[in-house]
Amino acid sequence: MNLEYVPSRANFVLVKVGDGDVIFDAMLRRGVIVRAMRGYKLPEWVRISIGTEEENQRCIAVLQEVLAG
């Protein structure tokens, strides 16, 4: 998807998506929960937890849909 991210060895990854709050709300409305990072002074980022392969594929599909507008 050509998005900036922070490499991680944890169970989540930080992804730069533009307005993290907007992306959080849009994904939540579609049933996918990510965490907006504004509270950590990273307003353009969201934290995406690693799930099952199916959950990860759905998260990616929803993120693509939301970013496409």
PDB file of N, CA and C in Angstrom:
ATOM      1  N   MET A   1       0.825  -1.205   0.000  1.00  0.00           N
ATOM      2  CA  MET A   1       0.000   0.000   0.000  1.00  0.00           C
ATOM      3  C   MET A   1       0.859   1.256   0.000  1.00  0.00           C
ATOM      4  N   ASN A   2       2.159   1.082   0.107  1.00  0.00           N
ATOM      5  CA  ASN A   2       3.088   2.205   0.051  1.00  0.00           C
ATOM      6  C   ASN A   2       2.859   3.210   1.182  1.00  0.00           C
ATOM      7  N   LEU A   3       2.503   2.735   2.365  1.00  0.00           N
ATOM      8  CA  LEU A   3       2.318   3.579   3.543  1.00  0.00           C
ATOM      9  C   LEU A   3       3.562   3.496   4.421  1.00  0.00           C
ATOM     10  N   GLU A   4       3.897   4.609   5.042  1.00  0.00           N
ATOM     11  CA  GLU A   4       5.000   4.607   5.996  1.00  0.00           C
ATOM     12  C   GLU A   4       4.560   3.834   7.237  1.00  0.00           C
ATOM     13  N   TYR A   5       5.463   3.046   7.803  1.00  0.00           N
ATOM     14  CA  TYR A   5       5.158   2.290   9.015  1.00  0.00           C
ATOM     15  C   TYR A   5       6.424   2.156   9.844  1.00  0.00           C
ATOM     16  N   VAL A   6       6.247   1.779  11.098  1.00  0.00           N
ATOM     17  CA  VAL A   6       7.360   1.551  11.999  1.00  0.00           C
ATOM     18  C   VAL A   6       7.554   0.045  12.129  1.00  0.00           C
ATOM     19  N   PRO A   7       8.694  -0.479  11.682  1.00  0.00           N
ATOM     20  CA  PRO A   7       8.939  -1.917  11.849  1.00  0.00           C
ATOM     21  C   PRO A   7       8.785  -2.315  13.319  1.00  0.00           C
ATOM     22  N   SER A   8       8.245  -3.489  13.552  1.00  0.00           N
ATOM     23  CA  SER A   8       7.904  -3.883  14.913  1.00  0.00           C
ATOM     24  C   SER A   8       8.172  -5.357  15.150  1.00  0.00           C
ATOM     25  N   ARG A   9       8.511  -5.654  16.377  1.00  0.00           N
ATOM     26  CA  ARG A   9       8.609  -7.047  16.823  1.00  0.00           C
ATOM     27  C   ARG A   9       7.502  -7.354  17.826  1.00  0.00           C
ATOM     28  N   ALA A  10       6.616  -6.402  17.982  1.00  0.00           N
ATOM     29  CA  ALA A  10       5.492  -6.546  18.912  1.00  0.00           C
ATOM     30  C   ALA A  10       4.282  -7.110  18.147  1.00  0.00           C
ATOM     31  N   ASN A  11       3.136  -7.128  18.800  1.00  0.00           N
ATOM     32  CA  ASN A  11       1.921  -7.658  18.168  1.00  0.00           C
ATOM     33  C   ASN A  11       1.111  -6.552  17.486  1.00  0.00           C
ATOM     34  N   PHE A  12       1.769  -5.459  17.148  1.00  0.00           N
ATOM     35  CA  PHE A  12       1.102  -4.374  16.434  1.00  0.00           C
ATOM     36  C   PHE A  12       2.123  -3.642  15.573  1.00  0.00           C
ATOM     37  N   VAL A  13       1.592  -2.823  14.666  1.00  0.00           N
ATOM     38  CA  VAL A  13       2.437  -2.004  13.809  1.00  0.00           C
ATOM     39  C   VAL A  13       1.818  -0.604  13.761  1.00  0.00           C
ATOM     40  N   LEU A  14       2.665   0.415  13.740  1.00  0.00           N
ATOM     41  CA  LEU A  14       2.212   1.791  13.588  1.00  0.00           C
ATOM     42  C   LEU A  14       2.262   2.138  12.112  1.00  0.00           C
ATOM     43  N   VAL A  15       1.154   2.708  11.613  1.00  0.00           N
ATOM     44  CA  VAL A  15       1.048   3.030  10.193  1.00  0.00           C
ATOM     45  C   VAL A  15       0.621   4.492  10.051  1.00  0.00           C
ATOM     46  N   LYS A  16       1.335   5.222   9.189  1.00  0.00           N
ATOM     47  CA  LYS A  16       1.010   6.623   8.926  1.00  0.00           C
ATOM     48  C   LYS A  16      -0.075   6.672   7.857  1.00  0.00           C
ATOM     49  N   VAL A  17      -1.233   7.213   8.231  1.00  0.00           N
ATOM     50  CA  VAL A  17      -2.411   7.161   7.358  1.00  0.00           C
ATOM     51  C   VAL A  17      -3.007   8.523   7.036  1.00  0.00           C
ATOM     52  N   GLY A  18      -2.419   9.582   7.521  1.00  0.00           N
ATOM     53  CA  GLY A  18      -3.009  10.912   7.339  1.00  0.00           C
ATOM     54  C   GLY A  18      -3.638  11.353   8.642  1.00  0.00           C
ATOM     55  N   ASP A  19      -4.939  11.486   8.686  1.00  0.00           N
ATOM     56  CA  ASP A  19      -5.636  11.844   9.924  1.00  0.00           C
ATOM     57  C   ASP A  19      -6.057  10.559  10.634  1.00  0.00           C
ATOM     58  N   GLY A  20      -5.309  10.180  11.652  1.00  0.00           N
ATOM     59  CA  GLY A  20      -5.564   8.931  12.367  1.00  0.00           C
ATOM     60  C   GLY A  20      -6.953   8.845  12.973  1.00  0.00           C
ATOM     61  N   ASP A  21      -7.475   9.980  13.446  1.00  0.00           N
ATOM     62  CA  ASP A  21      -8.817   9.979  14.041  1.00  0.00           C
ATOM     63  C   ASP A  21      -9.882   9.669  12.994  1.00  0.00           C
ATOM     64  N   VAL A  22      -9.740  10.245  11.816  1.00  0.00           N
ATOM     65  CA  VAL A  22     -10.697  10.007  10.728  1.00  0.00           C
ATOM     66  C   VAL A  22     -10.646   8.544  10.292  1.00  0.00           C
ATOM     67  N   ILE A  23      -9.444   8.007  10.152  1.00  0.00           N
ATOM     68  CA  ILE A  23      -9.284   6.606   9.740  1.00  0.00           C
ATOM     69  C   ILE A  23      -9.857   5.685  10.811  1.00  0.00           C
ATOM     70  N   PHE A  24      -9.575   5.985  12.083  1.00  0.00           N
ATOM     71  CA  PHE A  24     -10.137   5.198  13.184  1.00  0.00           C
ATOM     72  C   PHE A  24     -11.656   5.145  13.087  1.00  0.00           C
ATOM     73  N   ASP A  25     -12.296   6.304  12.953  1.00  0.00           N
ATOM     74  CA  ASP A  25     -13.765   6.364  12.894  1.00  0.00           C
ATOM     75  C   ASP A  25     -14.316   5.597  11.699  1.00  0.00           C
ATOM     76  N   ALA A  26     -13.706   5.788  10.538  1.00  0.00           N
ATOM     77  CA  ALA A  26     -14.196   5.131   9.323  1.00  0.00           C
ATOM     78  C   ALA A  26     -14.053   3.611   9.413  1.00  0.00           C
ATOM     79  N   MET A  27     -12.937   3.160   9.959  1.00  0.00           N
ATOM     80  CA  MET A  27     -12.732   1.716  10.081  1.00  0.00           C
ATOM     81  C   MET A  27     -13.657   1.129  11.139  1.00  0.00           C
ATOM     82  N   LEU A  28     -13.857   1.847  12.229  1.00  0.00           N
ATOM     83  CA  LEU A  28     -14.759   1.390  13.284  1.00  0.00           C
ATOM     84  C   LEU A  28     -16.173   1.205  12.738  1.00  0.00           C
ATOM     85  N   ARG A  29     -16.629   2.148  11.913  1.00  0.00           N
ATOM     86  CA  ARG A  29     -17.969   2.036  11.308  1.00  0.00           C
ATOM     87  C   ARG A  29     -18.075   0.797  10.433  1.00  0.00           C
ATOM     88  N   ARG A  30     -16.953   0.298   9.946  1.00  0.00           N
ATOM     89  CA  ARG A  30     -16.940  -0.904   9.104  1.00  0.00           C
ATOM     90  C   ARG A  30     -16.589  -2.155   9.904  1.00  0.00           C
ATOM     91  N   GLY A  31     -16.522  -2.015  11.229  1.00  0.00           N
ATOM     92  CA  GLY A  31     -16.319  -3.172  12.095  1.00  0.00           C
ATOM     93  C   GLY A  31     -14.883  -3.571  12.339  1.00  0.00           C
ATOM     94  N   VAL A  32     -13.934  -2.691  11.999  1.00  0.00           N
ATOM     95  CA  VAL A  32     -12.518  -2.981  12.231  1.00  0.00           C
ATOM     96  C   VAL A  32     -11.981  -1.938  13.214  1.00  0.00           C
ATOM     97  N   ILE A  33     -11.411  -2.416  14.304  1.00  0.00           N
ATOM     98  CA  ILE A  33     -10.927  -1.514  15.348  1.00  0.00           C
ATOM     99  C   ILE A  33      -9.417  -1.368  15.251  1.00  0.00           C
ATOM    100  N   VAL A  34      -8.975  -0.121  15.068  1.00  0.00           N
ATOM    101  CA  VAL A  34      -7.567   0.249  15.169  1.00  0.00           C
ATOM    102  C   VAL A  34      -7.493   1.303  16.259  1.00  0.00           C
ATOM    103  N   ARG A  35      -6.316   1.738  16.598  1.00  0.00           N
ATOM    104  CA  ARG A  35      -6.190   2.744  17.646  1.00  0.00           C
ATOM    105  C   ARG A  35      -5.564   4.003  17.071  1.00  0.00           C
ATOM    106  N   ALA A  36      -6.263   5.121  17.172  1.00  0.00           N
ATOM    107  CA  ALA A  36      -5.715   6.419  16.778  1.00  0.00           C
ATOM    108  C   ALA A  36      -4.622   6.799  17.774  1.00  0.00           C
ATOM    109  N   MET A  37      -3.569   7.406  17.296  1.00  0.00           N
ATOM    110  CA  MET A  37      -2.401   7.671  18.142  1.00  0.00           C
ATOM    111  C   MET A  37      -2.230   9.141  18.510  1.00  0.00           C
ATOM    112  N   ARG A  38      -3.266   9.963  18.311  1.00  0.00           N
ATOM    113  CA  ARG A  38      -3.183  11.389  18.657  1.00  0.00           C
ATOM    114  C   ARG A  38      -2.775  11.581  20.116  1.00  0.00           C
ATOM    115  N   GLY A  39      -3.268  10.749  20.995  1.00  0.00           N
ATOM    116  CA  GLY A  39      -2.945  10.858  22.417  1.00  0.00           C
ATOM    117  C   GLY A  39      -1.469  10.652  22.714  1.00  0.00           C
ATOM    118  N   TYR A  40      -0.749  10.094  21.768  1.00  0.00           N
ATOM    119  CA  TYR A  40       0.699   9.879  21.904  1.00  0.00           C
ATOM    120  C   TYR A  40       1.473  10.879  21.040  1.00  0.00           C
ATOM    121  N   LYS A  41       0.778  11.962  20.650  1.00  0.00           N
ATOM    122  CA  LYS A  41       1.359  13.015  19.814  1.00  0.00           C
ATOM    123  C   LYS A  41       1.774  12.511  18.431  1.00  0.00           C
ATOM    124  N   LEU A  42       1.011  11.547  17.919  1.00  0.00           N
ATOM    125  CA  LEU A  42       1.216  10.997  16.573  1.00  0.00           C
ATOM    126  C   LEU A  42      -0.130  11.047  15.826  1.00  0.00           C
ATOM    127  N   PRO A  43      -0.641  12.252  15.536  1.00  0.00           N
ATOM    128  CA  PRO A  43      -2.000  12.376  14.985  1.00  0.00           C
ATOM    129  C   PRO A  43      -2.182  11.772  13.599  1.00  0.00           C
ATOM    130  N   GLU A  44      -1.111  11.531  12.878  1.00  0.00           N
ATOM    131  CA  GLU A  44      -1.233  10.984  11.523  1.00  0.00           C
ATOM    132  C   GLU A  44      -1.104   9.456  11.491  1.00  0.00           C
ATOM    133  N   TRP A  45      -1.035   8.843  12.653  1.00  0.00           N
ATOM    134  CA  TRP A  45      -0.741   7.409  12.735  1.00  0.00           C
ATOM    135  C   TRP A  45      -1.877   6.641  13.410  1.00  0.00           C
ATOM    136  N   VAL A  46      -1.982   5.363  13.065  1.00  0.00           N
ATOM    137  CA  VAL A  46      -2.847   4.432  13.782  1.00  0.00           C
ATOM    138  C   VAL A  46      -2.018   3.210  14.161  1.00  0.00           C
ATOM    139  N   ARG A  47      -2.443   2.556  15.221  1.00  0.00           N
ATOM    140  CA  ARG A  47      -1.814   1.303  15.639  1.00  0.00           C
ATOM    141  C   ARG A  47      -2.739   0.173  15.218  1.00  0.00           C
ATOM    142  N   ILE A  48      -2.184  -0.774  14.490  1.00  0.00           N
ATOM    143  CA  ILE A  48      -2.949  -1.925  14.015  1.00  0.00           C
ATOM    144  C   ILE A  48      -2.385  -3.169  14.677  1.00  0.00           C
ATOM    145  N   SER A  49      -3.220  -3.849  15.439  1.00  0.00           N
ATOM    146  CA  SER A  49      -2.804  -5.091  16.089  1.00  0.00           C
ATOM    147  C   SER A  49      -2.792  -6.224  15.077  1.00  0.00           C
ATOM    148  N   ILE A  50      -1.863  -7.138  15.245  1.00  0.00           N
ATOM    149  CA  ILE A  50      -1.764  -8.310  14.382  1.00  0.00           C
ATOM    150  C   ILE A  50      -2.788  -9.333  14.856  1.00  0.00           C
ATOM    151  N   GLY A  51      -3.558  -9.855  13.924  1.00  0.00           N
ATOM    152  CA  GLY A  51      -4.570 -10.858  14.253  1.00  0.00           C
ATOM    153  C   GLY A  51      -4.326 -12.134  13.476  1.00  0.00           C
ATOM    154  N   THR A  52      -5.407 -12.840  13.237  1.00  0.00           N
ATOM    155  CA  THR A  52      -5.314 -14.045  12.397  1.00  0.00           C
ATOM    156  C   THR A  52      -5.125 -13.605  10.942  1.00  0.00           C
ATOM    157  N   GLU A  53      -4.781 -14.535  10.076  1.00  0.00           N
ATOM    158  CA  GLU A  53      -4.613 -14.193   8.661  1.00  0.00           C
ATOM    159  C   GLU A  53      -5.894 -13.585   8.095  1.00  0.00           C
ATOM    160  N   GLU A  54      -7.027 -14.172   8.437  1.00  0.00           N
ATOM    161  CA  GLU A  54      -8.318 -13.657   7.967  1.00  0.00           C
ATOM    162  C   GLU A  54      -8.574 -12.242   8.483  1.00  0.00           C
ATOM    163  N   GLU A  55      -8.326 -12.013   9.763  1.00  0.00           N
ATOM    164  CA  GLU A  55      -8.513 -10.679  10.344  1.00  0.00           C
ATOM    165  C   GLU A  55      -7.580  -9.663   9.691  1.00  0.00           C
ATOM    166  N   ASN A  56      -6.341 -10.057   9.462  1.00  0.00           N
ATOM    167  CA  ASN A  56      -5.375  -9.163   8.829  1.00  0.00           C
ATOM    168  C   ASN A  56      -5.804  -8.806   7.413  1.00  0.00           C
ATOM    169  N   GLN A  57      -6.300  -9.778   6.666  1.00  0.00           N
ATOM    170  CA  GLN A  57      -6.752  -9.520   5.299  1.00  0.00           C
ATOM    171  C   GLN A  57      -7.940  -8.571   5.293  1.00  0.00           C
ATOM    172  N   ARG A  58      -8.861  -8.773   6.228  1.00  0.00           N
ATOM    173  CA  ARG A  58     -10.017  -7.867   6.327  1.00  0.00           C
ATOM    174  C   ARG A  58      -9.570  -6.465   6.698  1.00  0.00           C
ATOM    175  N   CYS A  59      -8.646  -6.348   7.638  1.00  0.00           N
ATOM    176  CA  CYS A  59      -8.133  -5.037   8.051  1.00  0.00           C
ATOM    177  C   CYS A  59      -7.507  -4.319   6.862  1.00  0.00           C
ATOM    178  N   ILE A  60      -6.703  -5.008   6.090  1.00  0.00           N
ATOM    179  CA  ILE A  60      -6.060  -4.404   4.927  1.00  0.00           C
ATOM    180  C   ILE A  60      -7.103  -3.961   3.905  1.00  0.00           C
ATOM    181  N   ALA A  61      -8.089  -4.810   3.647  1.00  0.00           N
ATOM    182  CA  ALA A  61      -9.136  -4.474   2.676  1.00  0.00           C
ATOM    183  C   ALA A  61      -9.911  -3.235   3.124  1.00  0.00           C
ATOM    184  N   VAL A  62     -10.268  -3.175   4.393  1.00  0.00           N
ATOM    185  CA  VAL A  62     -11.019  -2.031   4.912  1.00  0.00           C
ATOM    186  C   VAL A  62     -10.151  -0.779   4.892  1.00  0.00           C
ATOM    187  N   LEU A  63      -8.890  -0.907   5.260  1.00  0.00           N
ATOM    188  CA  LEU A  63      -7.991   0.252   5.227  1.00  0.00           C
ATOM    189  C   LEU A  63      -7.856   0.777   3.806  1.00  0.00           C
ATOM    190  N   GLN A  64      -7.716  -0.098   2.832  1.00  0.00           N
ATOM    191  CA  GLN A  64      -7.643   0.332   1.431  1.00  0.00           C
ATOM    192  C   GLN A  64      -8.918   1.066   1.015  1.00  0.00           C
ATOM    193  N   GLU A  65     -10.059   0.522   1.412  1.00  0.00           N
ATOM    194  CA  GLU A  65     -11.352   1.138   1.090  1.00  0.00           C
ATOM    195  C   GLU A  65     -11.452   2.527   1.701  1.00  0.00           C
ATOM    196  N   VAL A  66     -11.087   2.640   2.962  1.00  0.00           N
ATOM    197  CA  VAL A  66     -11.188   3.925   3.671  1.00  0.00           C
ATOM    198  C   VAL A  66     -10.228   4.954   3.064  1.00  0.00           C
ATOM    199  N   LEU A  67      -9.016   4.543   2.774  1.00  0.00           N
ATOM    200  CA  LEU A  67      -8.048   5.482   2.212  1.00  0.00           C
ATOM    201  C   LEU A  67      -8.417   5.914   0.797  1.00  0.00           C
ATOM    202  N   ALA A  68      -9.126   5.061   0.081  1.00  0.00           N
ATOM    203  CA  ALA A  68      -9.564   5.401  -1.279  1.00  0.00           C
ATOM    204  C   ALA A  68     -10.703   6.410  -1.278  1.00  0.00           C
ATOM    205  N   GLY A  69     -11.325   6.566  -0.100  1.00  0.00           N
ATOM    206  CA  GLY A  69     -12.404   7.536   0.022  1.00  0.00           C
ATOM    207  C   GLY A  69     -13.713   6.901  -0.199  1.00  0.00           C
TER     208      GLY A  69
END
